[in-house]
C-alpha atoms as a PDB file:
ATOM      1  CA  MET A   1     -46.786  17.514 -49.079  1.00  0.00           C
ATOM      2  CA  PHE A   2     -49.838  15.934 -47.374  1.00  0.00           C
ATOM      3  CA  ARG A   3     -47.848  13.037 -46.215  1.00  0.00           C
ATOM      4  CA  GLY A   4     -45.982  15.228 -43.947  1.00  0.00           C
ATOM      5  CA  LEU A   5     -49.123  16.891 -42.497  1.00  0.00           C
ATOM      6  CA  LEU A   6     -51.010  13.569 -41.979  1.00  0.00           C
ATOM      7  CA  GLY A   7     -48.310  11.279 -41.127  1.00  0.00           C
ATOM      8  CA  ARG A   8     -48.166   7.631 -42.027  1.00  0.00           C
ATOM      9  CA  ASN A   9     -50.313   6.522 -39.000  1.00  0.00           C
ATOM     10  CA  ASN A  10     -52.903   9.033 -39.494  1.00  0.00           C
ATOM     11  CA  PHE A  11     -53.171   8.359 -43.255  1.00  0.00           C
ATOM     12  CA  ARG A  12     -53.912   4.771 -42.439  1.00  0.00           C
ATOM     13  CA  GLU A  13     -57.040   5.669 -40.366  1.00  0.00           C
ATOM     14  CA  LEU A  14     -58.542   7.350 -43.383  1.00  0.00           C
ATOM     15  CA  ARG A  15     -58.554   4.178 -45.427  1.00  0.00           C
ATOM     16  CA  ASN A  16     -61.811   2.271 -46.148  1.00  0.00           C
ATOM     17  CA  PRO A  17     -61.988  -0.853 -44.077  1.00  0.00           C
ATOM     18  CA  ASP A  18     -63.850  -2.693 -46.851  1.00  0.00           C
ATOM     19  CA  GLN A  19     -60.968  -1.879 -49.122  1.00  0.00           C
ATOM     20  CA  ASP A  20     -58.556  -3.168 -46.615  1.00  0.00           C
ATOM     21  CA  SER A  21     -60.364  -6.537 -46.493  1.00  0.00           C
ATOM     22  CA  GLN A  22     -60.425  -6.684 -50.212  1.00  0.00           C
ATOM     23  CA  ASN A  23     -56.758  -5.956 -50.328  1.00  0.00           C
ATOM     24  CA  LYS A  24     -55.981  -8.533 -47.703  1.00  0.00           C
ATOM     25  CA  ARG A  25     -58.106 -11.104 -49.708  1.00  0.00           C
ATOM     26  CA  GLU A  26     -56.109 -10.262 -52.922  1.00  0.00           C
ATOM     27  CA  GLN A  27     -52.773 -10.475 -50.987  1.00  0.00           C
ATOM     28  CA  ASP A  28     -53.703 -13.828 -49.730  1.00  0.00           C
ATOM     29  CA  ILE A  29     -54.572 -15.094 -53.228  1.00  0.00           C
ATOM     30  CA  GLN A  30     -51.243 -13.580 -54.431  1.00  0.00           C
ATOM     31  CA  ASN A  31     -49.401 -15.344 -51.723  1.00  0.00           C
ATOM     32  CA  LYS A  32     -50.610 -18.687 -53.156  1.00  0.00           C
ATOM     33  CA  ARG A  33     -48.171 -17.976 -56.075  1.00  0.00           C
ATOM     34  CA  GLY A  34     -45.154 -18.588 -53.596  1.00  0.00           C
ATOM     35  CA  GLY A  35     -45.326 -22.225 -53.599  1.00  0.00           C
ATOM     36  CA  GLY A  36     -45.368 -22.781 -57.427  1.00  0.00           C
ATOM     37  CA  GLY A  37     -49.017 -21.762 -57.737  1.00  0.00           C
ATOM     38  CA  HIS A  38     -49.963 -19.494 -60.534  1.00  0.00           C
ATOM     39  CA  PHE A  39     -53.285 -17.987 -59.497  1.00  0.00           C
ATOM     40  CA  SER A  40     -54.178 -14.803 -61.166  1.00  0.00           C
ATOM     41  CA  VAL A  41     -56.803 -12.134 -60.244  1.00  0.00           C
ATOM     42  CA  LEU A  42     -58.553 -10.590 -63.134  1.00  0.00           C
ATOM     43  CA  ARG A  43     -61.087  -7.817 -62.658  1.00  0.00           C
ATOM     44  CA  THR A  44     -64.370  -8.308 -64.560  1.00  0.00           C
ATOM     45  CA  LYS A  45     -67.586  -6.415 -65.163  1.00  0.00           C
ATOM     46  CA  ILE A  46     -69.785  -9.223 -63.941  1.00  0.00           C
ATOM     47  CA  THR A  47     -72.119  -8.109 -61.191  1.00  0.00           C
ATOM     48  CA  ASP A  48     -75.026 -10.527 -61.073  1.00  0.00           C
ATOM     49  CA  PRO A  49     -74.184 -13.841 -59.500  1.00  0.00           C
ATOM     50  CA  GLU A  50     -77.375 -15.523 -60.574  1.00  0.00           C
ATOM     51  CA  ILE A  51     -76.812 -14.663 -64.256  1.00  0.00           C
ATOM     52  CA  LEU A  52     -73.231 -15.776 -63.928  1.00  0.00           C
ATOM     53  CA  VAL A  53     -74.424 -19.194 -62.623  1.00  0.00           C
ATOM     54  CA  LYS A  54     -77.073 -19.557 -65.256  1.00  0.00           C
ATOM     55  CA  SER A  55     -74.643 -18.669 -67.891  1.00  0.00           C
ATOM     56  CA  LEU A  56     -72.075 -21.221 -66.824  1.00  0.00           C
ATOM     57  CA  GLN A  57     -74.729 -23.803 -66.541  1.00  0.00           C
ATOM     58  CA  ASP A  58     -76.118 -22.940 -70.160  1.00  0.00           C
ATOM     59  CA  LEU A  59     -72.586 -23.643 -71.383  1.00  0.00           C
ATOM     60  CA  GLY A  60     -72.724 -27.099 -69.741  1.00  0.00           C
ATOM     61  CA  ILE A  61     -70.246 -26.178 -66.821  1.00  0.00           C
ATOM     62  CA  ILE A  62     -70.696 -27.639 -63.396  1.00  0.00           C
ATOM     63  CA  VAL A  63     -71.101 -24.701 -60.791  1.00  0.00           C
ATOM     64  CA  LYS A  64     -70.402 -24.709 -57.102  1.00  0.00           C
ATOM     65  CA  ARG A  65     -70.983 -21.954 -54.602  1.00  0.00           C
ATOM     66  CA  GLU A  66     -68.689 -21.141 -51.670  1.00  0.00           C
ATOM     67  CA  ALA A  67     -66.194 -23.663 -52.878  1.00  0.00           C
ATOM     68  CA  ASP A  68     -62.456 -23.957 -53.615  1.00  0.00           C
ATOM     69  CA  VAL A  69     -60.806 -23.171 -57.000  1.00  0.00           C
ATOM     70  CA  ARG A  70     -58.290 -25.863 -57.791  1.00  0.00           C
ATOM     71  CA  GLY A  71     -54.787 -24.740 -58.828  1.00  0.00           C
ATOM     72  CA  SER A  72     -51.225 -25.917 -59.264  1.00  0.00           C
ATOM     73  CA  ASN A  73     -49.586 -28.226 -56.695  1.00  0.00           C
ATOM     74  CA  GLY A  74     -53.004 -28.872 -54.957  1.00  0.00           C
ATOM     75  CA  GLN A  75     -53.311 -25.225 -53.970  1.00  0.00           C
ATOM     76  CA  ARG A  76     -56.870 -23.896 -53.498  1.00  0.00           C
ATOM     77  CA  VAL A  77     -58.463 -20.632 -53.111  1.00  0.00           C
ATOM     78  CA  ARG A  78     -61.950 -20.067 -51.594  1.00  0.00           C
ATOM     79  CA  SER A  79     -64.381 -18.422 -54.104  1.00  0.00           C
ATOM     80  CA  ASP A  80     -68.013 -17.386 -54.106  1.00  0.00           C
ATOM     81  CA  ILE A  81     -68.637 -19.133 -57.389  1.00  0.00           C
ATOM     82  CA  VAL A  82     -66.642 -21.895 -58.954  1.00  0.00           C
ATOM     83  CA  ALA A  83     -66.772 -23.258 -62.551  1.00  0.00           C
ATOM     84  CA  VAL A  84     -65.687 -26.921 -62.171  1.00  0.00           C
ATOM     85  CA  LEU A  85     -63.673 -27.575 -65.365  1.00  0.00           C
ATOM     86  CA  GLU A  86     -62.530 -30.874 -66.955  1.00  0.00           C
ATOM     87  CA  GLY A  87     -59.071 -31.494 -65.540  1.00  0.00           C
ATOM     88  CA  ASP A  88     -57.360 -30.388 -62.413  1.00  0.00           C
ATOM     89  CA  TYR A  89     -58.209 -26.664 -62.571  1.00  0.00           C
ATOM     90  CA  ASP A  90     -61.121 -24.442 -62.184  1.00  0.00           C
ATOM     91  CA  LEU A  91     -62.252 -20.780 -62.732  1.00  0.00           C
ATOM     92  CA  GLY A  92     -63.563 -18.985 -59.589  1.00  0.00           C
ATOM     93  CA  TRP A  93     -65.221 -15.499 -58.880  1.00  0.00           C
ATOM     94  CA  ILE A  94     -64.981 -13.695 -55.758  1.00  0.00           C
ATOM     95  CA  ARG A  95     -67.299 -10.432 -55.031  1.00  0.00           C
ATOM     96  CA  ASN A  96     -65.635  -7.267 -54.425  1.00  0.00           C
ATOM     97  CA  THR A  97     -66.859  -4.540 -52.145  1.00  0.00           C
ATOM     98  CA  ASP A  98     -68.146  -2.642 -55.258  1.00  0.00           C
ATOM     99  CA  GLY A  99     -70.414  -5.513 -56.278  1.00  0.00           C
ATOM    100  CA  SER A 100     -68.220  -6.693 -59.208  1.00  0.00           C
ATOM    101  CA  PHE A 101     -66.646 -10.060 -59.307  1.00  0.00           C
ATOM    102  CA  ASP A 102     -62.892 -10.760 -59.755  1.00  0.00           C
ATOM    103  CA  LEU A 103     -61.970 -14.014 -61.718  1.00  0.00           C
ATOM    104  CA  ILE A 104     -59.489 -16.263 -59.949  1.00  0.00           C
ATOM    105  CA  VAL A 105     -57.719 -18.710 -62.195  1.00  0.00           C
ATOM    106  CA  ASP A 106     -54.418 -20.542 -62.398  1.00  0.00           C
ATOM    107  CA  VAL A 107     -53.735 -19.512 -65.990  1.00  0.00           C
ATOM    108  CA  LEU A 108     -51.055 -22.005 -66.784  1.00  0.00           C
ATOM    109  CA  GLY A 109     -53.082 -24.884 -65.286  1.00  0.00           C
ATOM    110  CA  VAL A 110     -56.401 -24.130 -67.199  1.00  0.00           C
ATOM    111  CA  ALA A 111     -54.464 -23.659 -70.468  1.00  0.00           C
ATOM    112  CA  GLN A 112     -53.352 -27.340 -70.282  1.00  0.00           C
ATOM    113  CA  LYS A 113     -56.891 -28.524 -71.204  1.00  0.00           C
ATOM    114  CA  HIS A 114     -58.711 -25.392 -72.409  1.00  0.00           C
ATOM    115  CA  ASN A 115     -58.327 -22.451 -74.808  1.00  0.00           C
ATOM    116  CA  GLN A 116     -58.683 -19.833 -72.095  1.00  0.00           C
ATOM    117  CA  THR A 117     -59.492 -17.155 -74.521  1.00  0.00           C
ATOM    118  CA  GLU A 118     -62.271 -19.023 -76.097  1.00  0.00           C
ATOM    119  CA  LEU A 119     -63.631 -20.229 -72.602  1.00  0.00           C
ATOM    120  CA  ILE A 120     -63.626 -16.741 -71.048  1.00  0.00           C
ATOM    121  CA  ASN A 121     -64.983 -15.210 -74.191  1.00  0.00           C
ATOM    122  CA  SER A 122     -67.928 -17.772 -74.256  1.00  0.00           C
ATOM    123  CA  ILE A 123     -68.603 -17.164 -70.571  1.00  0.00           C
ATOM    124  CA  ASN A 124     -68.664 -13.300 -70.986  1.00  0.00           C
ATOM    125  CA  ALA A 125     -70.810 -13.561 -74.176  1.00  0.00           C
ATOM    126  CA  LYS A 126     -73.354 -15.969 -72.535  1.00  0.00           C
ATOM    127  CA  TYR A 127     -73.359 -13.650 -69.574  1.00  0.00           C
ATOM    128  CA  ALA A 128     -74.059 -10.563 -71.647  1.00  0.00           C
ATOM    129  CA  VAL A 129     -76.922 -12.300 -73.592  1.00  0.00           C
ATOM    130  CA  ASN A 130     -78.451 -13.538 -70.289  1.00  0.00           C
ATOM    131  CA  LYS A 131     -78.138 -10.081 -68.653  1.00  0.00           C
ATOM    132  CA  THR A 132     -79.791  -8.481 -71.675  1.00  0.00           C
ATOM    133  CA  LEU A 133     -82.670 -10.972 -71.610  1.00  0.00           C
ATOM    134  CA  LYS A 134     -83.239 -10.561 -67.864  1.00  0.00           C
ATOM    135  CA  GLU A 135     -83.263  -6.674 -68.386  1.00  0.00           C
ATOM    136  CA  ILE A 136     -85.830  -6.974 -71.203  1.00  0.00           C
ATOM    137  CA  LYS A 137     -88.020  -9.358 -69.127  1.00  0.00           C
ATOM    138  CA  GLU A 138     -87.868  -6.783 -66.130  1.00  0.00           C
ATOM    139  CA  ARG A 139     -89.076  -4.004 -68.591  1.00  0.00           C
ATOM    140  CA  GLY A 140     -92.043  -6.210 -69.576  1.00  0.00           C
ATOM    141  CA  LEU A 141     -90.879  -6.844 -73.138  1.00  0.00           C
ATOM    142  CA  ASN A 142     -90.847 -10.029 -74.899  1.00  0.00           C
ATOM    143  CA  GLN A 143     -88.011 -11.234 -77.175  1.00  0.00           C
ATOM    144  CA  ARG A 144     -90.306 -11.398 -80.164  1.00  0.00           C
ATOM    145  CA  ASP A 145     -91.050  -7.567 -79.612  1.00  0.00           C
ATOM    146  CA  LEU A 146     -87.478  -6.756 -80.369  1.00  0.00           C
END
């Protein structure tokens, strides 16, 4: 009904430009799949880059900022935060316009050397602990007060 009133061109003008750039970035990542790449984009609830970096470092993972995530066949995707993993594949996080981060990963590649479920669960668990500790500290409480 509204499509007829607005028309296709008018509807496009109502779109959020930030969303357009996010969609373009996601499309660019998806296009990497064409040449045998297997990059997946996974939504996360991670919002604090400093806590993410600390969590990765706490787990003994080397972290790079504004670096490439390594994938199949030498493909790479630029990410805000990269967890450099043992082997030929990495995990990456790209910030969305809403402040959350998407996880960028070549699922098949990472699975060659790592149990993905355990790896991602350990990162999420460490992030949750570090985020909680930061919030407690900001409220002026000590861990021993809990």
